[in-house]
């Protein structure tokens, strides 16, 4: 038996001496060195007593060694549990208690604050910092540079990723080797990744987008990574001429568009730009195409399913759409109450089925059962519609649906109109308690640099574009909308902030 994920990740290495990863400081890790260093981390884990199926929880800064640790966990047959580096010790207490890892790896600067939690839960604690230093890397240094990778099959767990938990406690999504392998091979084919690609990687690796979508896909193509610790505009502008592909969240692209140095000539050579993790506004899509001549590929996925849909590589990439279901992924849009598929153009709940769909929520069998239909379709909680041409559009989360005066208001529809107005950088539409309508519609806006937004002017412009019940009753203008680390606008934060607007 092979190690399904690791063997697939390394099956397409074109040349062991080829650059696998390049750091901003100029240091390089070849594919041969990647195999050696991941062997050392796998050996260190075994030395610490890690057995197949043990969880290894990791809260560290992004680095090449952090990526080698991920590969080492997979090679040791364990389950990788990446955790947001911004989580506080109080938040970490929940994750360590829930995941029950055999090992917890943290940044050395946080070790004292987290030692008590690890001790309480009976978990071994080791450290790794952004420079690749720490007690775990020291142990890895002493290990052999070869390792007999432990066998794993498709059904074995490879990772547990915790959802953001904005509407309740975080849930651990269990992802198998087959979940990750099938999805990455599909994305590699759909997005045409080859060994000639150099992917500019500026996303965190505690999240599915940066870790599985970007890294796994690139490795399965045998390409190279330009590995940035985070998105830094100047570094990205400097490195784009050396890249062929870039994946990012929408804020990456809006920041690039805000720079005069981001020109058509700078990216003329680029093969593809891909956006995900949060909705890409149609206006940004159009402005990017006008500026660069490149049409961004927007796709749709989630922690529980990895990628579900994508705009086509060849053919029209429609602004405001996430394209078509990926090969092998079943997708339907159904009425929330009846479960019956809706007609084209009608809004419903998106449900998906396929080898990409997770195994369930960690130690939450009742919740898992609740989220799956009897025929195996996963209820995503996202609302969408499909047009006559088969293009899918996301209109928001079901929890974000606003019911005002008995009428359904889909935030994405209102946001699309607001984003098209001159001077508006981005918008978020939310519903808060209203004494007459049940919920009142509120628009929270951010202006483009140097622009001033007028409530009256925006309100007047909406008159002929949206039905009265969809029009925001109040407007708020902020310097920037609150976002999480993956660029998603935190509407829960806005709802809490403005919940008494109509009181």
Protein backbone atom coordinates (compact mmCIF):
# COMPACT_ATOMS: atom_id res chain seq x y z
CA UNK A 1 0.00 0.00 0.00
CA UNK A 2 1.25 3.50 -0.80
CA UNK A 3 0.89 6.75 1.08
CA UNK A 4 -1.88 7.95 -1.20
CA UNK A 5 -1.46 11.72 -0.82
CA UNK A 6 2.33 11.98 -0.51
CA UNK A 7 2.99 9.52 -3.30
CA UNK A 8 0.67 11.47 -5.60
CA UNK A 9 2.24 14.79 -4.59
CA UNK A 10 5.69 13.49 -5.56
CA UNK A 11 4.73 11.37 -8.58
CA UNK A 12 5.26 14.21 -11.05
CA UNK A 13 8.68 15.50 -9.98
CA UNK A 14 10.42 16.24 -13.29
CA UNK A 15 13.94 16.54 -11.87
CA UNK A 16 15.14 16.17 -8.28
CA UNK A 17 17.54 19.08 -8.76
CA UNK A 18 14.76 21.40 -9.90
CA UNK A 19 13.75 24.30 -7.63
CA UNK A 20 10.71 23.38 -5.59
CA UNK A 21 10.48 26.48 -3.40
CA UNK A 22 12.12 29.91 -3.53
CA UNK A 23 12.10 32.23 -0.51
CA UNK A 24 12.18 36.05 -0.70
CA UNK A 25 15.71 36.06 0.70
CA UNK A 26 16.90 34.12 -2.32
CA UNK A 27 17.29 30.76 -0.57
CA UNK A 28 16.06 27.78 -2.54
CA UNK A 29 14.76 24.32 -1.70
CA UNK A 30 15.08 21.78 -4.52
CA UNK A 31 12.78 18.80 -4.86
CA UNK A 32 15.62 16.61 -3.59
CA UNK A 33 15.99 18.83 -0.51
CA UNK A 34 12.22 18.80 -0.01
CA UNK A 35 12.25 15.00 0.13
CA UNK A 36 15.18 15.06 2.55
CA UNK A 37 13.78 17.71 4.90
CA UNK A 38 10.28 16.22 5.00
CA UNK A 39 11.97 12.89 5.81
CA UNK A 40 13.68 14.53 8.78
CA UNK A 41 10.40 15.94 10.09
CA UNK A 42 8.67 12.59 9.62
CA UNK A 43 11.53 10.94 11.51
CA UNK A 44 11.26 13.50 14.30
CA UNK A 45 7.55 12.78 14.66
CA UNK A 46 8.15 9.05 14.88
CA UNK A 47 10.91 9.71 17.44
CA UNK A 48 8.28 11.56 19.50
CA UNK A 49 5.99 8.55 19.39
CA UNK A 50 3.54 9.77 16.75
CA UNK A 51 1.51 6.86 15.39
CA UNK A 52 -0.72 6.59 12.31
CA UNK A 53 -3.98 8.55 12.78
CA UNK A 54 -2.54 10.64 15.63
CA UNK A 55 -3.35 14.33 15.26
CA UNK A 56 -0.56 16.88 15.03
CA UNK A 57 -1.84 20.40 15.76
CA UNK A 58 0.24 23.21 14.32
CA UNK A 59 0.04 26.96 15.05
CA UNK A 60 3.13 28.49 13.47
CA UNK A 61 4.08 31.28 11.10
CA UNK A 62 4.41 30.48 7.41
CA UNK A 63 7.85 29.20 6.41
CA UNK A 64 9.42 26.55 4.21
CA UNK A 65 10.01 24.42 7.33
CA UNK A 66 6.32 24.73 8.24
CA UNK A 67 5.50 23.30 4.82
CA UNK A 68 8.05 20.52 5.36
CA UNK A 69 6.36 19.75 8.68
CA UNK A 70 3.03 19.33 6.86
CA UNK A 71 4.62 16.87 4.45
CA UNK A 72 6.35 15.13 7.35
CA UNK A 73 3.03 14.65 9.15
CA UNK A 74 1.51 13.10 6.03
CA UNK A 75 4.54 10.84 5.54
CA UNK A 76 4.32 9.69 9.16
CA UNK A 77 0.71 8.65 8.55
CA UNK A 78 -0.62 11.22 11.03
CA UNK A 79 -3.38 13.82 10.64
CA UNK A 80 -2.40 17.45 10.06
CA UNK A 81 -4.40 20.03 12.06
CA UNK A 82 -3.37 23.56 10.98
CA UNK A 83 -4.57 26.42 13.18
CA UNK A 84 -4.77 30.14 12.48
CA UNK A 85 -1.66 31.88 13.81
CA UNK A 86 -3.87 34.72 15.06
CA UNK A 87 -5.79 32.55 17.53
CA UNK A 88 -5.31 33.57 21.16
CA UNK A 89 -4.36 31.12 23.94
CA UNK A 90 -7.98 31.21 25.08
CA UNK A 91 -9.16 30.13 21.63
CA UNK A 92 -6.40 27.56 21.36
CA UNK A 93 -7.63 25.88 24.51
CA UNK A 94 -10.78 24.81 22.65
CA UNK A 95 -8.95 23.46 19.60
CA UNK A 96 -6.43 21.45 21.62
CA UNK A 97 -9.17 20.03 23.80
CA UNK A 98 -11.34 19.17 20.80
CA UNK A 99 -8.70 17.72 18.45
CA UNK A 100 -6.83 15.85 21.22
CA UNK A 101 -3.55 15.91 19.31
CA UNK A 102 -0.57 13.79 20.31
CA UNK A 103 1.69 16.75 19.49
CA UNK A 104 1.17 20.51 19.43
CA UNK A 105 3.69 22.68 17.56
CA UNK A 106 3.66 26.42 18.25
CA UNK A 107 5.85 29.49 17.78
CA UNK A 108 8.52 29.76 20.50
CA UNK A 109 7.25 33.23 21.47
CA UNK A 110 3.90 31.68 22.44
CA UNK A 111 5.27 28.59 24.16
CA UNK A 112 5.00 29.92 27.72
CA UNK A 113 1.40 31.06 27.21
CA UNK A 114 0.40 27.72 25.66
CA UNK A 115 2.39 25.32 27.84
CA UNK A 116 -0.33 25.19 30.49
CA UNK A 117 -2.96 24.24 27.90
CA UNK A 118 -0.77 21.48 26.48
CA UNK A 119 0.02 20.17 29.96
CA UNK A 120 -3.65 20.18 30.97
CA UNK A 121 -4.60 18.17 27.89
CA UNK A 122 -1.59 15.83 28.17
CA UNK A 123 -0.15 16.95 24.83
CA UNK A 124 3.55 17.09 23.90
CA UNK A 125 4.60 20.66 23.06
CA UNK A 126 7.34 21.59 20.56
CA UNK A 127 8.24 24.81 18.79
CA UNK A 128 8.98 26.13 15.30
CA UNK A 129 9.42 29.79 14.34
CA UNK A 130 9.22 31.73 11.07
CA UNK A 131 12.94 31.23 10.46
CA UNK A 132 12.68 27.45 10.81
CA UNK A 133 14.16 27.42 14.32
CA UNK A 134 12.75 25.70 17.38
CA UNK A 135 12.84 22.51 19.37
CA UNK A 136 11.12 20.48 16.67
CA UNK A 137 13.42 21.68 13.88
CA UNK A 138 16.43 20.96 16.12
CA UNK A 139 15.19 17.41 16.60
CA UNK A 140 14.57 17.13 12.84
CA UNK A 141 18.15 18.23 12.16
CA UNK A 142 19.37 15.08 13.91
CA UNK A 143 17.20 12.72 11.86
CA UNK A 144 18.18 10.79 8.70
CA UNK A 145 17.39 12.43 5.35
CA UNK A 146 15.50 9.36 4.17
CA UNK A 147 12.29 7.93 5.59
CA UNK A 148 10.13 4.93 4.77
CA UNK A 149 6.83 6.73 4.29
CA UNK A 150 4.05 5.00 6.18
CA UNK A 151 1.28 3.49 4.03
CA UNK A 152 -2.11 5.21 3.91
CA UNK A 153 -5.11 4.59 1.67
CA UNK A 154 -7.71 6.94 0.27
CA UNK A 155 -10.11 6.62 3.19
CA UNK A 156 -7.51 7.45 5.85
CA UNK A 157 -7.67 10.95 7.27
CA UNK A 158 -5.00 13.38 6.07
CA UNK A 159 -6.14 16.56 7.79
CA UNK A 160 -8.69 18.18 10.05
CA UNK A 161 -9.42 21.82 9.23
CA UNK A 162 -11.54 23.87 11.58
CA UNK A 163 -14.23 26.09 10.11
CA UNK A 164 -14.24 29.78 11.04
CA UNK A 165 -17.05 29.37 13.55
CA UNK A 166 -18.67 32.77 12.97
CA UNK A 167 -22.13 31.42 13.81
CA UNK A 168 -21.25 29.03 16.60
CA UNK A 169 -18.44 26.76 17.75
CA UNK A 170 -15.81 25.84 15.18
CA UNK A 171 -16.20 22.42 13.59
CA UNK A 172 -13.37 20.18 12.48
CA UNK A 173 -13.81 19.13 8.86
CA UNK A 174 -12.24 15.70 8.31
CA UNK A 175 -10.45 15.48 4.96
CA UNK A 176 -9.21 12.15 3.65
CA UNK A 177 -6.26 11.39 1.41
CA UNK A 178 -8.68 10.77 -1.46
CA UNK A 179 -10.50 14.07 -0.84
CA UNK A 180 -7.25 15.99 -1.29
CA UNK A 181 -5.78 13.88 -4.09
CA UNK A 182 -8.88 13.85 -6.29
CA UNK A 183 -9.46 17.58 -5.98
CA UNK A 184 -5.86 18.60 -6.62
CA UNK A 185 -5.55 16.38 -9.69
CA UNK A 186 -8.77 17.87 -11.04
CA UNK A 187 -7.61 21.45 -10.46
CA UNK A 188 -4.25 20.71 -12.04
CA UNK A 189 -6.02 19.54 -15.18
CA UNK A 190 -8.72 22.23 -15.29
CA UNK A 191 -6.28 25.11 -14.69
CA UNK A 192 -3.57 23.56 -16.94
CA UNK A 193 -0.73 23.49 -14.39
CA UNK A 194 2.52 21.93 -15.64
CA UNK A 195 6.14 21.61 -14.54
CA UNK A 196 6.83 24.90 -16.31
CA UNK A 197 4.64 26.85 -13.89
CA UNK A 198 6.00 29.12 -11.18
CA UNK A 199 3.25 29.94 -8.69
CA UNK A 200 3.42 33.14 -6.66
CA UNK A 201 2.26 32.01 -3.20
CA UNK A 202 1.39 34.79 -0.74
CA UNK A 203 -1.40 33.10 1.23
CA UNK A 204 -1.28 31.54 4.70
CA UNK A 205 -0.85 27.77 4.88
CA UNK A 206 -3.16 27.18 7.84
CA UNK A 207 -6.08 27.40 5.41
CA UNK A 208 -7.28 25.09 2.61
CA UNK A 209 -6.66 27.73 -0.09
CA UNK A 210 -2.97 28.24 0.57
CA UNK A 211 -2.16 24.74 1.75
CA UNK A 212 -4.21 22.38 -0.40
CA UNK A 213 -5.42 24.34 -3.40
CA UNK A 214 -2.16 26.17 -4.13
CA UNK A 215 0.59 23.91 -2.76
CA UNK A 216 -0.87 20.50 -3.55
CA UNK A 217 -1.90 21.54 -7.05
CA UNK A 218 1.54 22.98 -7.84
CA UNK A 219 3.37 19.93 -6.44
CA UNK A 220 1.24 17.54 -8.46
CA UNK A 221 2.31 19.45 -11.56
CA UNK A 222 5.99 19.41 -10.61
CA UNK A 223 6.23 23.19 -10.76
CA UNK A 224 7.92 25.75 -8.50
CA UNK A 225 6.74 28.05 -5.71
CA UNK A 226 7.67 31.67 -5.01
CA UNK A 227 6.97 31.42 -1.30
CA UNK A 228 6.15 34.72 0.44
CA UNK A 229 5.43 34.81 4.19
CA UNK A 230 2.41 37.06 3.47
CA UNK A 231 1.04 39.41 0.84
CA UNK A 232 3.38 42.37 0.58
CA UNK A 233 2.52 44.64 -2.34
CA UNK A 234 6.09 45.65 -3.15
CA UNK A 235 7.35 42.05 -2.98
CA UNK A 236 4.50 40.80 -5.15
CA UNK A 237 5.15 43.49 -7.77
CA UNK A 238 8.83 42.58 -7.72
CA UNK A 239 8.22 38.84 -8.11
CA UNK A 240 5.36 38.83 -10.62
CA UNK A 241 7.79 38.98 -13.59
CA UNK A 242 9.30 35.69 -12.32
CA UNK A 243 5.92 33.92 -11.98
CA UNK A 244 3.55 32.31 -14.47
CA UNK A 245 0.56 31.93 -12.14
CA UNK A 246 -0.91 33.54 -9.05
CA UNK A 247 -3.64 32.43 -6.66
CA UNK A 248 -5.08 34.86 -4.16
CA UNK A 249 -8.03 36.31 -2.33
CA UNK A 250 -9.90 39.31 -3.81
CA UNK A 251 -8.04 41.83 -1.61
CA UNK A 252 -4.78 40.82 -3.33
CA UNK A 253 -6.19 41.95 -6.64
CA UNK A 254 -7.72 45.17 -5.34
CA UNK A 255 -4.38 46.10 -3.77
CA UNK A 256 -2.56 45.41 -7.04
CA UNK A 257 -5.05 47.59 -8.91
CA UNK A 258 -4.36 50.37 -6.42
CA UNK A 259 -0.72 50.53 -7.53
CA UNK A 260 0.40 52.50 -10.59
CA UNK A 261 3.28 50.02 -10.91
CA UNK A 262 0.81 47.24 -11.71
CA UNK A 263 0.72 47.53 -15.49
CA UNK A 264 -0.16 45.44 -18.50
CA UNK A 265 3.52 45.11 -19.38
CA UNK A 266 4.35 43.79 -15.90
CA UNK A 267 2.04 40.78 -16.26
CA UNK A 268 1.93 40.33 -20.04
CA UNK A 269 3.83 37.04 -19.63
CA UNK A 270 1.53 35.61 -16.92
CA UNK A 271 -0.49 32.51 -17.75
CA UNK A 272 -3.28 32.68 -15.18
CA UNK A 273 -4.68 34.56 -12.17
CA UNK A 274 -7.09 32.68 -9.88
CA UNK A 275 -9.25 34.13 -7.08
CA UNK A 276 -11.16 32.51 -4.25
CA UNK A 277 -11.96 32.28 -0.50
CA UNK A 278 -14.26 35.32 -0.77
CA UNK A 279 -16.45 36.80 -3.52
CA UNK A 280 -14.64 38.76 -6.22
CA UNK A 281 -16.72 41.78 -7.18
CA UNK A 282 -17.72 42.07 -10.82
CA UNK A 283 -16.23 45.56 -10.87
CA UNK A 284 -12.79 44.36 -9.75
CA UNK A 285 -13.00 41.57 -12.33
CA UNK A 286 -13.74 44.06 -15.11
CA UNK A 287 -11.15 46.62 -13.97
CA UNK A 288 -8.48 43.93 -13.76
CA UNK A 289 -9.23 42.75 -17.29
CA UNK A 290 -9.14 46.31 -18.64
CA UNK A 291 -5.84 47.07 -16.88
CA UNK A 292 -3.99 43.84 -17.66
CA UNK A 293 -5.70 42.01 -20.47
CA UNK A 294 -6.10 39.01 -18.12
CA UNK A 295 -9.48 37.72 -17.00
CA UNK A 296 -9.29 36.34 -13.45
CA UNK A 297 -10.58 32.80 -12.96
CA UNK A 298 -13.01 32.88 -10.06
CA UNK A 299 -13.85 29.56 -8.46
CA UNK A 300 -15.96 28.36 -5.54
CA UNK A 301 -14.98 26.07 -2.72
CA UNK A 302 -15.16 25.65 1.02
CA UNK A 303 -13.25 24.00 3.84
CA UNK A 304 -15.47 20.93 3.76
CA UNK A 305 -15.25 20.33 0.03
CA UNK A 306 -12.12 22.01 -1.35
CA UNK A 307 -13.03 23.18 -4.88
CA UNK A 308 -16.52 22.69 -6.33
CA UNK A 309 -16.70 24.93 -9.38
CA UNK A 310 -14.54 27.09 -11.62
CA UNK A 311 -14.89 29.48 -14.49
CA UNK A 312 -13.45 27.88 -17.61
CA UNK A 313 -9.81 28.09 -18.62
CA UNK A 314 -10.95 28.33 -22.22
CA UNK A 315 -14.12 30.28 -22.83
CA UNK A 316 -15.89 33.15 -21.11
CA UNK A 317 -14.98 33.87 -17.50
CA UNK A 318 -18.05 35.75 -16.35
CA UNK A 319 -17.76 38.55 -13.79
CA UNK A 320 -19.84 37.72 -10.71
CA UNK A 321 -19.98 34.02 -11.58
CA UNK A 322 -18.05 31.04 -10.21
CA UNK A 323 -18.46 29.07 -13.40
CA UNK A 324 -19.37 25.41 -13.75
CA UNK A 325 -19.11 22.32 -11.53
CA UNK A 326 -15.66 20.70 -11.72
CA UNK A 327 -15.42 17.29 -13.40
CA UNK A 328 -16.56 14.59 -11.00
CA UNK A 329 -18.45 17.05 -8.76
CA UNK A 330 -22.23 16.80 -8.64
CA UNK A 331 -23.91 20.14 -7.90
CA UNK A 332 -27.55 21.06 -7.58
CA UNK A 333 -29.49 24.07 -6.35
CA UNK A 334 -32.57 23.21 -4.33
CA UNK A 335 -35.44 24.80 -2.48
CA UNK A 336 -34.44 25.00 1.19
CA UNK A 337 -37.81 23.73 2.44
CA UNK A 338 -38.75 21.07 -0.11
CA UNK A 339 -35.30 19.91 -1.24
CA UNK A 340 -36.44 19.99 -4.87
CA UNK A 341 -34.22 21.47 -7.54
CA UNK A 342 -35.16 24.99 -8.56
CA UNK A 343 -35.47 26.26 -12.12
CA UNK A 344 -32.68 28.24 -13.83
CA UNK A 345 -32.60 31.79 -12.51
CA UNK A 346 -34.20 30.89 -9.18
CA UNK A 347 -32.27 31.10 -5.90
CA UNK A 348 -31.76 28.03 -3.75
CA UNK A 349 -29.32 26.21 -1.51
CA UNK A 350 -26.24 24.73 -3.18
CA UNK A 351 -25.63 21.05 -2.51
CA UNK A 352 -22.59 19.10 -3.73
CA UNK A 353 -21.45 15.50 -3.97
CA UNK A 354 -18.20 13.93 -5.10
CA UNK A 355 -14.80 12.55 -4.06
CA UNK A 356 -13.85 16.06 -2.89
CA UNK A 357 -16.53 16.18 -0.17
CA UNK A 358 -15.22 15.67 3.35
CA UNK A 359 -15.81 12.68 5.63
CA UNK A 360 -17.81 14.63 8.21
CA UNK A 361 -17.23 16.80 11.26
CA UNK A 362 -14.76 15.59 13.86
CA UNK A 363 -16.58 13.84 16.69
CA UNK A 364 -19.91 15.43 15.69
CA UNK A 365 -21.93 12.57 14.15
CA UNK A 366 -25.29 14.27 14.71
CA UNK A 367 -24.14 17.49 13.04
CA UNK A 368 -22.62 15.50 10.19
CA UNK A 369 -25.87 13.61 9.59
CA UNK A 370 -27.81 16.86 9.65
CA UNK A 371 -25.68 18.36 6.88
CA UNK A 372 -26.00 15.49 4.40
CA UNK A 373 -28.99 14.41 2.31
CA UNK A 374 -29.87 10.71 2.23
CA UNK A 375 -28.42 10.47 -1.30
CA UNK A 376 -25.03 11.75 -0.11
CA UNK A 377 -25.26 15.40 -1.15
CA UNK A 378 -23.69 17.88 1.27
CA UNK A 379 -25.79 20.93 2.13
CA UNK A 380 -23.31 23.80 1.79
CA UNK A 381 -25.41 26.58 3.31
CA UNK A 382 -24.49 28.79 0.35
CA UNK A 383 -27.28 30.25 -1.75
CA UNK A 384 -26.91 30.45 -5.50
CA UNK A 385 -28.54 30.42 -8.87
CA UNK A 386 -27.66 28.96 -12.25
CA UNK A 387 -28.39 30.77 -15.51
CA UNK A 388 -29.55 29.32 -18.81
CA UNK A 389 -25.93 28.88 -19.89
CA UNK A 390 -25.09 26.80 -16.81
CA UNK A 391 -22.99 29.48 -15.07
CA UNK A 392 -23.38 29.45 -11.30
CA UNK A 393 -23.52 32.60 -9.18
CA UNK A 394 -23.31 32.77 -5.38
CA UNK A 395 -25.81 35.16 -3.81
CA UNK A 396 -24.65 34.70 -0.22
CA UNK A 397 -24.81 32.43 2.77
CA UNK A 398 -28.23 31.29 3.89
CA UNK A 399 -27.49 32.87 7.27
CA UNK A 400 -26.89 36.22 5.49
CA UNK A 401 -30.29 36.21 3.75
CA UNK A 402 -32.30 39.28 4.77
CA UNK A 403 -36.08 39.04 5.09
CA UNK A 404 -37.45 42.57 5.13
CA UNK A 405 -41.20 43.09 5.24
CA UNK A 406 -41.68 39.48 4.14
CA UNK A 407 -39.49 39.87 1.05
CA UNK A 408 -36.17 38.07 0.48
CA UNK A 409 -33.20 40.36 -0.02
CA UNK A 410 -30.02 38.70 -1.32
CA UNK A 411 -27.02 40.78 -0.19
CA UNK A 412 -24.88 39.89 -3.21
CA UNK A 413 -27.43 41.42 -5.57
CA UNK A 414 -27.44 44.74 -3.69
CA UNK A 415 -23.66 44.69 -3.26
CA UNK A 416 -23.16 44.22 -7.00
CA UNK A 417 -25.10 47.42 -7.68
CA UNK A 418 -23.32 49.38 -4.94
CA UNK A 419 -19.88 48.21 -6.12
CA UNK A 420 -20.62 49.54 -9.60
CA UNK A 421 -20.95 53.13 -8.35
CA UNK A 422 -18.04 55.46 -8.93
CA UNK A 423 -16.07 55.99 -5.74
CA UNK A 424 -17.16 52.75 -4.03
CA UNK A 425 -14.25 50.40 -3.33
CA UNK A 426 -16.36 47.67 -1.76
CA UNK A 427 -19.60 47.12 0.08
CA UNK A 428 -21.29 44.78 2.53
CA UNK A 429 -25.05 44.53 2.89
CA UNK A 430 -26.48 43.20 6.15
CA UNK A 431 -29.81 42.89 7.91
CA UNK A 432 -30.43 44.00 11.49
CA UNK A 433 -33.58 44.01 13.65
CA UNK A 434 -36.24 46.50 12.53
CA UNK A 435 -39.45 47.23 14.49
CA UNK A 436 -41.69 47.31 11.39
CA UNK A 437 -40.01 45.16 8.75
CA UNK A 438 -38.47 42.44 10.91
CA UNK A 439 -35.09 43.19 9.38
CA UNK A 440 -33.84 46.44 7.95
CA UNK A 441 -31.31 46.55 5.12
CA UNK A 442 -28.04 48.36 5.90
CA UNK A 443 -25.17 49.06 3.51
CA UNK A 444 -21.63 49.42 4.83
CA UNK A 445 -19.29 51.00 2.29
CA UNK A 446 -15.60 51.71 1.85
CA UNK A 447 -14.57 54.51 -0.51
CA UNK A 448 -11.79 54.39 -3.07
CA UNK A 449 -8.72 56.46 -2.12
CA UNK A 450 -9.42 60.17 -2.47
CA UNK A 451 -13.17 59.68 -2.97
CA UNK A 452 -16.02 60.90 -0.78
CA UNK A 453 -19.29 58.99 -0.71
CA UNK A 454 -22.62 60.75 -0.39
CA UNK A 455 -25.56 58.85 1.10
CA UNK A 456 -28.03 60.97 -0.83
CA UNK A 457 -26.27 60.45 -4.16
CA UNK A 458 -26.08 56.68 -3.68
CA UNK A 459 -29.67 56.51 -2.51
CA UNK A 460 -30.81 58.45 -5.59
CA UNK A 461 -28.81 56.18 -7.89
CA UNK A 462 -30.44 53.08 -6.42
CA UNK A 463 -33.96 54.30 -7.15
CA UNK A 464 -34.11 52.94 -10.68
CA UNK A 465 -31.88 49.92 -10.14
CA UNK A 466 -33.40 48.09 -7.18
CA UNK A 467 -36.90 47.50 -5.87
CA UNK A 468 -37.73 49.65 -2.87
CA UNK A 469 -37.62 46.75 -0.40
CA UNK A 470 -34.04 45.92 -1.49
CA UNK A 471 -32.73 49.44 -1.05
CA UNK A 472 -30.68 50.02 2.13
CA UNK A 473 -32.44 52.11 4.73
CA UNK A 474 -29.15 53.24 6.21
CA UNK A 475 -25.58 53.69 5.00
CA UNK A 476 -22.30 53.59 6.89
CA UNK A 477 -18.94 54.51 5.40
CA UNK A 478 -15.75 52.98 6.86
CA UNK A 479 -12.10 53.33 5.92
CA UNK A 480 -12.05 49.57 5.33
CA UNK A 481 -14.45 46.69 5.89
CA UNK A 482 -13.48 44.15 8.57
CA UNK A 483 -12.04 40.95 7.09
CA UNK A 484 -10.67 37.69 8.37
CA UNK A 485 -7.24 36.40 7.38
CA UNK A 486 -8.56 34.90 4.15
CA UNK A 487 -10.13 38.16 3.01
CA UNK A 488 -13.75 37.34 3.79
CA UNK A 489 -15.78 40.31 4.99
CA UNK A 490 -16.87 39.64 8.56
CA UNK A 491 -20.57 40.39 8.34
CA UNK A 492 -21.10 39.02 11.83
CA UNK A 493 -18.89 41.85 13.13
CA UNK A 494 -20.91 44.42 11.17
CA UNK A 495 -24.24 42.99 12.33
CA UNK A 496 -23.10 43.21 15.94
CA UNK A 497 -21.83 46.76 15.44
CA UNK A 498 -25.03 48.07 13.87
CA UNK A 499 -27.67 45.83 15.45
CA UNK A 500 -29.31 48.76 17.23
CA UNK A 501 -29.51 51.05 14.20
CA UNK A 502 -33.31 50.85 14.12
CA UNK A 503 -33.90 50.40 17.87
